[in-house]
PDB file of N, CA and C in Angstrom:
ATOM      1  N   MET A   1     -52.360  10.500 -58.023  1.00  0.00           N
ATOM      2  CA  MET A   1     -53.384  10.053 -58.842  1.00  0.00           C
ATOM      3  C   MET A   1     -53.770   9.629 -57.282  1.00  0.00           C
ATOM      4  N   HIS A   2     -55.206   9.440 -57.032  1.00  0.00           N
ATOM      5  CA  HIS A   2     -56.071   8.842 -55.789  1.00  0.00           C
ATOM      6  C   HIS A   2     -57.048   7.565 -55.850  1.00  0.00           C
ATOM      7  N   ARG A   3     -57.031   6.605 -55.315  1.00  0.00           N
ATOM      8  CA  ARG A   3     -57.237   5.429 -55.608  1.00  0.00           C
ATOM      9  C   ARG A   3     -58.583   5.555 -55.043  1.00  0.00           C
ATOM     10  N   LYS A   4     -59.571   5.073 -55.390  1.00  0.00           N
ATOM     11  CA  LYS A   4     -60.931   4.394 -54.820  1.00  0.00           C
ATOM     12  C   LYS A   4     -60.517   3.255 -53.783  1.00  0.00           C
ATOM     13  N   HIS A   5     -61.344   3.368 -52.304  1.00  0.00           N
ATOM     14  CA  HIS A   5     -61.213   2.005 -51.950  1.00  0.00           C
ATOM     15  C   HIS A   5     -62.177   0.465 -53.020  1.00  0.00           C
ATOM     16  N   SER A   6     -61.805  -0.046 -52.440  1.00  0.00           N
ATOM     17  CA  SER A   6     -62.701  -1.529 -52.905  1.00  0.00           C
ATOM     18  C   SER A   6     -64.079  -1.664 -52.113  1.00  0.00           C
ATOM     19  N   LEU A   7     -64.719  -1.974 -52.568  1.00  0.00           N
ATOM     20  CA  LEU A   7     -65.750  -2.956 -51.696  1.00  0.00           C
ATOM     21  C   LEU A   7     -65.391  -3.746 -50.489  1.00  0.00           C
ATOM     22  N   CYS A   8     -64.250  -4.293 -50.807  1.00  0.00           N
ATOM     23  CA  CYS A   8     -63.852  -4.891 -49.434  1.00  0.00           C
ATOM     24  C   CYS A   8     -63.828  -4.231 -48.521  1.00  0.00           C
ATOM     25  N   CYS A   9     -62.936  -2.794 -48.979  1.00  0.00           N
ATOM     26  CA  CYS A   9     -62.705  -1.986 -47.639  1.00  0.00           C
ATOM     27  C   CYS A   9     -63.127  -1.335 -47.343  1.00  0.00           C
ATOM     28  N   ARG A  10     -64.212  -1.205 -47.733  1.00  0.00           N
ATOM     29  CA  ARG A  10     -64.946  -0.207 -47.023  1.00  0.00           C
ATOM     30  C   ARG A  10     -66.253  -1.413 -45.785  1.00  0.00           C
ATOM     31  N   ARG A  11     -66.295  -1.985 -46.207  1.00  0.00           N
ATOM     32  CA  ARG A  11     -66.935  -3.354 -45.371  1.00  0.00           C
ATOM     33  C   ARG A  11     -66.072  -3.549 -44.177  1.00  0.00           C
ATOM     34  N   LEU A  12     -64.676  -3.671 -44.424  1.00  0.00           N
ATOM     35  CA  LEU A  12     -63.679  -3.368 -43.115  1.00  0.00           C
ATOM     36  C   LEU A  12     -63.406  -2.626 -42.254  1.00  0.00           C
ATOM     37  N   ASP A  13     -64.083  -1.303 -42.549  1.00  0.00           N
ATOM     38  CA  ASP A  13     -64.072  -0.232 -41.494  1.00  0.00           C
ATOM     39  C   ASP A  13     -64.780   0.233 -40.562  1.00  0.00           C
ATOM     40  N   SER A  14     -66.102  -1.042 -40.344  1.00  0.00           N
ATOM     41  CA  SER A  14     -66.972  -0.886 -39.729  1.00  0.00           C
ATOM     42  C   SER A  14     -66.566  -1.044 -38.352  1.00  0.00           C
ATOM     43  N   PRO A  15     -66.604  -0.778 -36.977  1.00  0.00           N
ATOM     44  CA  PRO A  15     -66.231  -1.093 -35.392  1.00  0.00           C
ATOM     45  C   PRO A  15     -66.930  -2.419 -35.746  1.00  0.00           C
ATOM     46  N   ALA A  16     -67.981  -2.855 -36.415  1.00  0.00           N
ATOM     47  CA  ALA A  16     -68.498  -4.379 -35.621  1.00  0.00           C
ATOM     48  C   ALA A  16     -67.353  -5.053 -35.800  1.00  0.00           C
ATOM     49  N   VAL A  17     -66.549  -5.144 -37.730  1.00  0.00           N
ATOM     50  CA  VAL A  17     -65.963  -6.314 -38.124  1.00  0.00           C
ATOM     51  C   VAL A  17     -64.552  -6.150 -37.382  1.00  0.00           C
ATOM     52  N   THR A  18     -64.252  -4.469 -37.284  1.00  0.00           N
ATOM     53  CA  THR A  18     -62.717  -4.652 -36.136  1.00  0.00           C
ATOM     54  C   THR A  18     -63.062  -4.978 -34.583  1.00  0.00           C
ATOM     55  N   LEU A  19     -64.120  -5.033 -34.173  1.00  0.00           N
ATOM     56  CA  LEU A  19     -64.124  -5.928 -33.344  1.00  0.00           C
ATOM     57  C   LEU A  19     -64.184  -7.763 -33.324  1.00  0.00           C
ATOM     58  N   LEU A  20     -64.793  -7.744 -34.467  1.00  0.00           N
ATOM     59  CA  LEU A  20     -65.089  -9.370 -34.609  1.00  0.00           C
ATOM     60  C   LEU A  20     -63.346  -9.670 -35.038  1.00  0.00           C
ATOM     61  N   LEU A  21     -63.252  -9.285 -35.783  1.00  0.00           N
ATOM     62  CA  LEU A  21     -61.465  -9.975 -36.838  1.00  0.00           C
ATOM     63  C   LEU A  21     -60.595  -9.664 -34.977  1.00  0.00           C
ATOM     64  N   GLY A  22     -60.615  -8.267 -33.956  1.00  0.00           N
ATOM     65  CA  GLY A  22     -59.951  -8.831 -32.723  1.00  0.00           C
ATOM     66  C   GLY A  22     -60.472 -10.405 -32.684  1.00  0.00           C
ATOM     67  N   LEU A  23     -61.507 -10.144 -32.014  1.00  0.00           N
ATOM     68  CA  LEU A  23     -61.912 -11.600 -31.264  1.00  0.00           C
ATOM     69  C   LEU A  23     -61.229 -12.609 -31.901  1.00  0.00           C
ATOM     70  N   VAL A  24     -61.289 -12.763 -32.620  1.00  0.00           N
ATOM     71  CA  VAL A  24     -60.831 -14.215 -34.373  1.00  0.00           C
ATOM     72  C   VAL A  24     -59.013 -13.803 -33.765  1.00  0.00           C
ATOM     73  N   VAL A  25     -58.970 -12.824 -33.932  1.00  0.00           N
ATOM     74  CA  VAL A  25     -57.123 -12.787 -33.751  1.00  0.00           C
ATOM     75  C   VAL A  25     -56.732 -12.997 -32.420  1.00  0.00           C
ATOM     76  N   GLY A  26     -57.748 -12.345 -31.400  1.00  0.00           N
ATOM     77  CA  GLY A  26     -56.996 -12.066 -30.312  1.00  0.00           C
ATOM     78  C   GLY A  26     -57.408 -13.570 -29.276  1.00  0.00           C
ATOM     79  N   LEU A  27     -58.783 -14.410 -29.566  1.00  0.00           N
ATOM     80  CA  LEU A  27     -58.805 -15.283 -28.470  1.00  0.00           C
ATOM     81  C   LEU A  27     -58.092 -16.532 -28.665  1.00  0.00           C
ATOM     82  N   PRO A  28     -57.653 -17.000 -30.697  1.00  0.00           N
ATOM     83  CA  PRO A  28     -56.066 -17.779 -30.038  1.00  0.00           C
ATOM     84  C   PRO A  28     -54.781 -17.579 -29.717  1.00  0.00           C
ATOM     85  N   ALA A  29     -54.679 -16.094 -29.717  1.00  0.00           N
ATOM     86  CA  ALA A  29     -53.219 -15.512 -29.230  1.00  0.00           C
ATOM     87  C   ALA A  29     -53.606 -15.879 -27.668  1.00  0.00           C
ATOM     88  N   ALA A  30     -54.845 -15.466 -27.283  1.00  0.00           N
ATOM     89  CA  ALA A  30     -54.611 -15.791 -25.832  1.00  0.00           C
ATOM     90  C   ALA A  30     -54.266 -17.194 -25.176  1.00  0.00           C
ATOM     91  N   VAL A  31     -54.560 -17.961 -25.697  1.00  0.00           N
ATOM     92  CA  VAL A  31     -54.989 -19.377 -25.482  1.00  0.00           C
ATOM     93  C   VAL A  31     -53.560 -19.627 -25.777  1.00  0.00           C
ATOM     94  N   LEU A  32     -52.582 -19.664 -27.131  1.00  0.00           N
ATOM     95  CA  LEU A  32     -51.501 -19.805 -27.520  1.00  0.00           C
ATOM     96  C   LEU A  32     -50.219 -19.545 -26.263  1.00  0.00           C
ATOM     97  N   ALA A  33     -50.574 -18.285 -26.219  1.00  0.00           N
ATOM     98  CA  ALA A  33     -50.086 -17.144 -25.079  1.00  0.00           C
ATOM     99  C   ALA A  33     -49.922 -17.835 -23.489  1.00  0.00           C
ATOM    100  N   GLY A  34     -51.084 -18.469 -23.119  1.00  0.00           N
ATOM    101  CA  GLY A  34     -51.604 -18.566 -22.074  1.00  0.00           C
ATOM    102  C   GLY A  34     -51.299 -19.726 -21.444  1.00  0.00           C
ATOM    103  N   SER A  35     -52.218 -20.909 -22.241  1.00  0.00           N
ATOM    104  CA  SER A  35     -51.377 -22.256 -21.135  1.00  0.00           C
ATOM    105  C   SER A  35     -50.916 -23.080 -22.540  1.00  0.00           C
ATOM    106  N   VAL A  36     -50.964 -23.030 -23.815  1.00  0.00           N
ATOM    107  CA  VAL A  36     -49.749 -24.023 -24.357  1.00  0.00           C
ATOM    108  C   VAL A  36     -48.533 -23.591 -24.116  1.00  0.00           C
ATOM    109  N   TYR A  37     -48.064 -22.067 -24.137  1.00  0.00           N
ATOM    110  CA  TYR A  37     -46.884 -21.394 -23.933  1.00  0.00           C
ATOM    111  C   TYR A  37     -46.441 -21.856 -21.982  1.00  0.00           C
ATOM    112  N   GLY A  38     -47.660 -22.156 -21.213  1.00  0.00           N
ATOM    113  CA  GLY A  38     -47.200 -22.396 -19.681  1.00  0.00           C
ATOM    114  C   GLY A  38     -47.249 -24.110 -19.183  1.00  0.00           C
ATOM    115  N   ILE A  39     -48.039 -24.407 -20.577  1.00  0.00           N
ATOM    116  CA  ILE A  39     -47.503 -25.860 -20.193  1.00  0.00           C
ATOM    117  C   ILE A  39     -46.082 -26.379 -20.704  1.00  0.00           C
ATOM    118  N   TRP A  40     -46.156 -25.783 -22.240  1.00  0.00           N
ATOM    119  CA  TRP A  40     -44.112 -26.016 -22.417  1.00  0.00           C
ATOM    120  C   TRP A  40     -43.379 -25.484 -21.625  1.00  0.00           C
ATOM    121  N   LEU A  41     -43.482 -24.530 -21.210  1.00  0.00           N
ATOM    122  CA  LEU A  41     -42.856 -23.743 -19.760  1.00  0.00           C
ATOM    123  C   LEU A  41     -42.219 -24.338 -18.591  1.00  0.00           C
ATOM    124  N   ALA A  42     -43.653 -25.154 -18.248  1.00  0.00           N
ATOM    125  CA  ALA A  42     -43.428 -25.839 -17.191  1.00  0.00           C
ATOM    126  C   ALA A  42     -42.673 -27.335 -17.682  1.00  0.00           C
ATOM    127  N   ARG A  43     -42.752 -28.068 -18.221  1.00  0.00           N
ATOM    128  CA  ARG A  43     -42.218 -29.518 -18.962  1.00  0.00           C
ATOM    129  C   ARG A  43     -40.966 -29.183 -18.325  1.00  0.00           C
ATOM    130  N   SER A  44     -40.706 -27.539 -19.548  1.00  0.00           N
ATOM    131  CA  SER A  44     -39.038 -27.523 -19.958  1.00  0.00           C
ATOM    132  C   SER A  44     -38.158 -27.025 -18.742  1.00  0.00           C
ATOM    133  N   MET A  45     -39.314 -26.388 -17.787  1.00  0.00           N
ATOM    134  CA  MET A  45     -37.675 -25.586 -16.618  1.00  0.00           C
ATOM    135  C   MET A  45     -38.916 -26.275 -15.583  1.00  0.00           C
ATOM    136  N   PRO A  46     -38.273 -27.177 -14.949  1.00  0.00           N
ATOM    137  CA  PRO A  46     -38.628 -27.844 -13.917  1.00  0.00           C
ATOM    138  C   PRO A  46     -38.283 -27.083 -12.278  1.00  0.00           C
ATOM    139  N   VAL A  47     -39.248 -26.684 -12.137  1.00  0.00           N
ATOM    140  CA  VAL A  47     -38.309 -25.273 -10.398  1.00  0.00           C
ATOM    141  C   VAL A  47     -39.714 -26.112  -9.314  1.00  0.00           C
ATOM    142  N   GLY A  48     -38.831 -26.839  -8.496  1.00  0.00           N
ATOM    143  CA  GLY A  48     -39.532 -26.942  -7.422  1.00  0.00           C
ATOM    144  C   GLY A  48     -39.959 -25.995  -6.315  1.00  0.00           C
ATOM    145  N   ALA A  49     -40.859 -26.511  -5.435  1.00  0.00           N
ATOM    146  CA  ALA A  49     -41.825 -25.173  -4.505  1.00  0.00           C
ATOM    147  C   ALA A  49     -40.558 -24.972  -3.592  1.00  0.00           C
ATOM    148  N   ARG A  50     -40.217 -24.406  -2.634  1.00  0.00           N
ATOM    149  CA  ARG A  50     -39.617 -24.033  -0.962  1.00  0.00           C
ATOM    150  C   ARG A  50     -40.250 -24.142  -0.195  1.00  0.00           C
ATOM    151  N   ALA A  51     -39.825 -24.817   1.071  1.00  0.00           N
ATOM    152  CA  ALA A  51     -41.143 -24.189   1.512  1.00  0.00           C
ATOM    153  C   ALA A  51     -41.779 -23.241   2.440  1.00  0.00           C
ATOM    154  N   GLU A  52     -40.908 -22.517   2.503  1.00  0.00           N
ATOM    155  CA  GLU A  52     -41.530 -20.547   2.720  1.00  0.00           C
ATOM    156  C   GLU A  52     -42.450 -20.182   2.035  1.00  0.00           C
ATOM    157  N   MET A  53     -42.157 -20.696   1.154  1.00  0.00           N
ATOM    158  CA  MET A  53     -43.715 -20.761  -0.209  1.00  0.00           C
ATOM    159  C   MET A  53     -44.892 -21.307   0.593  1.00  0.00           C
ATOM    160  N   GLY A  54     -45.215 -22.313   1.067  1.00  0.00           N
ATOM    161  CA  GLY A  54     -47.031 -22.872   1.557  1.00  0.00           C
ATOM    162  C   GLY A  54     -46.725 -21.733   3.031  1.00  0.00           C
ATOM    163  N   GLU A  55     -45.935 -21.602   3.094  1.00  0.00           N
ATOM    164  CA  GLU A  55     -46.341 -20.559   4.695  1.00  0.00           C
ATOM    165  C   GLU A  55     -46.882 -19.470   4.216  1.00  0.00           C
ATOM    166  N   VAL A  56     -45.554 -19.208   3.134  1.00  0.00           N
ATOM    167  CA  VAL A  56     -46.875 -17.813   2.509  1.00  0.00           C
ATOM    168  C   VAL A  56     -48.179 -17.321   2.369  1.00  0.00           C
ATOM    169  N   PHE A  57     -48.403 -18.858   1.588  1.00  0.00           N
ATOM    170  CA  PHE A  57     -49.307 -18.765   0.556  1.00  0.00           C
ATOM    171  C   PHE A  57     -50.443 -19.466   0.781  1.00  0.00           C
ATOM    172  N   GLY A  58     -50.362 -20.194   1.688  1.00  0.00           N
ATOM    173  CA  GLY A  58     -50.929 -21.273   2.755  1.00  0.00           C
ATOM    174  C   GLY A  58     -52.225 -20.427   3.720  1.00  0.00           C
ATOM    175  N   ARG A  59     -51.588 -19.326   4.258  1.00  0.00           N
ATOM    176  CA  ARG A  59     -52.259 -18.661   5.504  1.00  0.00           C
ATOM    177  C   ARG A  59     -53.752 -18.620   4.994  1.00  0.00           C
ATOM    178  N   GLN A  60     -54.245 -18.062   5.081  1.00  0.00           N
ATOM    179  CA  GLN A  60     -55.488 -17.488   4.596  1.00  0.00           C
ATOM    180  C   GLN A  60     -56.223 -16.036   5.639  1.00  0.00           C
ATOM    181  N   SER A  61     -56.384 -15.049   4.238  1.00  0.00           N
ATOM    182  CA  SER A  61     -56.151 -13.386   4.257  1.00  0.00           C
ATOM    183  C   SER A  61     -57.512 -12.876   4.327  1.00  0.00           C
ATOM    184  N   GLU A  62     -57.997 -11.793   4.590  1.00  0.00           N
ATOM    185  CA  GLU A  62     -59.239 -11.502   4.291  1.00  0.00           C
ATOM    186  C   GLU A  62     -58.549 -10.458   3.180  1.00  0.00           C
ATOM    187  N   ARG A  63     -59.799 -11.067   2.235  1.00  0.00           N
ATOM    188  CA  ARG A  63     -59.461 -10.109   1.092  1.00  0.00           C
ATOM    189  C   ARG A  63     -60.907  -8.955   0.593  1.00  0.00           C
ATOM    190  N   PRO A  64     -60.849  -8.010  -0.041  1.00  0.00           N
ATOM    191  CA  PRO A  64     -61.501  -7.256   0.265  1.00  0.00           C
ATOM    192  C   PRO A  64     -63.414  -7.752  -0.834  1.00  0.00           C
ATOM    193  N   ALA A  65     -64.302  -7.537  -0.641  1.00  0.00           N
ATOM    194  CA  ALA A  65     -64.964  -7.589  -1.646  1.00  0.00           C
ATOM    195  C   ALA A  65     -64.976  -7.234  -3.047  1.00  0.00           C
ATOM    196  N   GLN A  66     -65.013  -8.058  -3.693  1.00  0.00           N
ATOM    197  CA  GLN A  66     -65.040  -7.868  -5.475  1.00  0.00           C
ATOM    198  C   GLN A  66     -66.038  -7.367  -5.995  1.00  0.00           C
ATOM    199  N   PRO A  67     -65.957  -6.560  -6.982  1.00  0.00           N
ATOM    200  CA  PRO A  67     -66.925  -5.955  -7.891  1.00  0.00           C
ATOM    201  C   PRO A  67     -67.949  -7.069  -8.469  1.00  0.00           C
ATOM    202  N   GLY A  68     -69.453  -6.605  -8.573  1.00  0.00           N
ATOM    203  CA  GLY A  68     -69.921  -7.808  -8.576  1.00  0.00           C
ATOM    204  C   GLY A  68     -70.829  -7.808 -10.201  1.00  0.00           C
ATOM    205  N   PHE A  69     -70.773  -8.684 -11.040  1.00  0.00           N
ATOM    206  CA  PHE A  69     -70.945  -8.862 -12.294  1.00  0.00           C
ATOM    207  C   PHE A  69     -71.406  -7.455 -13.431  1.00  0.00           C
ATOM    208  N   PRO A  70     -72.321  -6.890 -12.778  1.00  0.00           N
ATOM    209  CA  PRO A  70     -72.972  -5.991 -13.472  1.00  0.00           C
ATOM    210  C   PRO A  70     -72.776  -4.749 -13.730  1.00  0.00           C
ATOM    211  N   LEU A  71     -71.295  -4.520 -12.344  1.00  0.00           N
ATOM    212  CA  LEU A  71     -70.134  -2.902 -12.658  1.00  0.00           C
ATOM    213  C   LEU A  71     -69.170  -3.671 -13.315  1.00  0.00           C
ATOM    214  N   SER A  72     -68.161  -4.784 -13.709  1.00  0.00           N
ATOM    215  CA  SER A  72     -67.377  -5.240 -14.456  1.00  0.00           C
ATOM    216  C   SER A  72     -68.095  -4.898 -15.707  1.00  0.00           C
ATOM    217  N   LEU A  73     -69.459  -5.363 -16.206  1.00  0.00           N
ATOM    218  CA  LEU A  73     -69.627  -5.857 -17.322  1.00  0.00           C
ATOM    219  C   LEU A  73     -69.593  -4.166 -18.089  1.00  0.00           C
ATOM    220  N   VAL A  74     -70.482  -3.463 -17.219  1.00  0.00           N
ATOM    221  CA  VAL A  74     -70.795  -1.534 -18.010  1.00  0.00           C
ATOM    222  C   VAL A  74     -68.680  -0.954 -17.640  1.00  0.00           C
ATOM    223  N   THR A  75     -68.209  -1.403 -16.635  1.00  0.00           N
ATOM    224  CA  THR A  75     -67.023  -0.898 -16.655  1.00  0.00           C
ATOM    225  C   THR A  75     -66.425  -1.329 -18.297  1.00  0.00           C
ATOM    226  N   ILE A  76     -66.523  -3.034 -18.844  1.00  0.00           N
ATOM    227  CA  ILE A  76     -65.978  -3.614 -20.067  1.00  0.00           C
ATOM    228  C   ILE A  76     -66.607  -2.195 -21.044  1.00  0.00           C
ATOM    229  N   GLN A  77     -67.634  -2.618 -21.214  1.00  0.00           N
ATOM    230  CA  GLN A  77     -68.181  -1.658 -22.178  1.00  0.00           C
ATOM    231  C   GLN A  77     -68.674  -0.336 -22.077  1.00  0.00           C
ATOM    232  N   LEU A  78     -67.585   0.474 -21.556  1.00  0.00           N
ATOM    233  CA  LEU A  78     -68.223   2.187 -21.710  1.00  0.00           C
ATOM    234  C   LEU A  78     -66.815   2.227 -22.363  1.00  0.00           C
ATOM    235  N   PRO A  79     -65.946   1.528 -22.450  1.00  0.00           N
ATOM    236  CA  PRO A  79     -64.861   2.213 -23.920  1.00  0.00           C
ATOM    237  C   PRO A  79     -65.791   2.039 -25.144  1.00  0.00           C
ATOM    238  N   VAL A  80     -65.962   0.305 -25.598  1.00  0.00           N
ATOM    239  CA  VAL A  80     -67.027   0.648 -26.477  1.00  0.00           C
ATOM    240  C   VAL A  80     -67.963   1.420 -27.087  1.00  0.00           C
ATOM    241  N   ALA A  81     -68.868   1.535 -25.748  1.00  0.00           N
ATOM    242  CA  ALA A  81     -69.685   2.784 -26.355  1.00  0.00           C
ATOM    243  C   ALA A  81     -69.635   3.908 -26.767  1.00  0.00           C
ATOM    244  N   ASP A  82     -68.081   4.089 -26.003  1.00  0.00           N
ATOM    245  CA  ASP A  82     -67.816   5.864 -26.670  1.00  0.00           C
ATOM    246  C   ASP A  82     -66.898   5.105 -27.493  1.00  0.00           C
ATOM    247  N   ALA A  83     -66.681   4.729 -28.287  1.00  0.00           N
ATOM    248  CA  ALA A  83     -65.674   4.158 -29.486  1.00  0.00           C
ATOM    249  C   ALA A  83     -66.974   4.162 -30.584  1.00  0.00           C
ATOM    250  N   GLY A  84     -68.039   3.834 -29.806  1.00  0.00           N
ATOM    251  CA  GLY A  84     -68.892   3.781 -31.390  1.00  0.00           C
ATOM    252  C   GLY A  84     -69.664   4.819 -31.642  1.00  0.00           C
ATOM    253  N   ALA A  85     -69.790   5.983 -30.203  1.00  0.00           N
ATOM    254  CA  ALA A  85     -70.814   7.146 -30.312  1.00  0.00           C
ATOM    255  C   ALA A  85     -70.010   8.259 -31.194  1.00  0.00           C
ATOM    256  N   HIS A  86     -68.518   8.162 -31.282  1.00  0.00           N
ATOM    257  CA  HIS A  86     -67.642   8.807 -31.776  1.00  0.00           C
ATOM    258  C   HIS A  86     -67.577   8.809 -33.319  1.00  0.00           C
ATOM    259  N   ASP A  87     -67.727   7.776 -33.902  1.00  0.00           N
ATOM    260  CA  ASP A  87     -68.196   6.990 -35.212  1.00  0.00           C
ATOM    261  C   ASP A  87     -69.215   7.612 -35.643  1.00  0.00           C
ATOM    262  N   ARG A  88     -70.480   7.971 -35.228  1.00  0.00           N
ATOM    263  CA  ARG A  88     -70.925   8.650 -35.949  1.00  0.00           C
ATOM    264  C   ARG A  88     -71.131  10.039 -36.460  1.00  0.00           C
TER     265      ARG A  88
END
């Protein structure tokens, strides 16, 4: 017997709702996994810096130019636009 989806499930099938739910779940997870866990880990595992670390990371090195904001934004939005185009 085939059951029809309820109205609630049909609304959740939208790409916009999927992206919104991803943000609702992903942002708190990123905050907890990054900063909160890092703070907890730093308190529970104190590690002193070695003298060699200052020498290695203290030097100024030439870094290649980073891409600008518009190029980064286009790169991020391409997969979203591609997924939206295939939905239709």
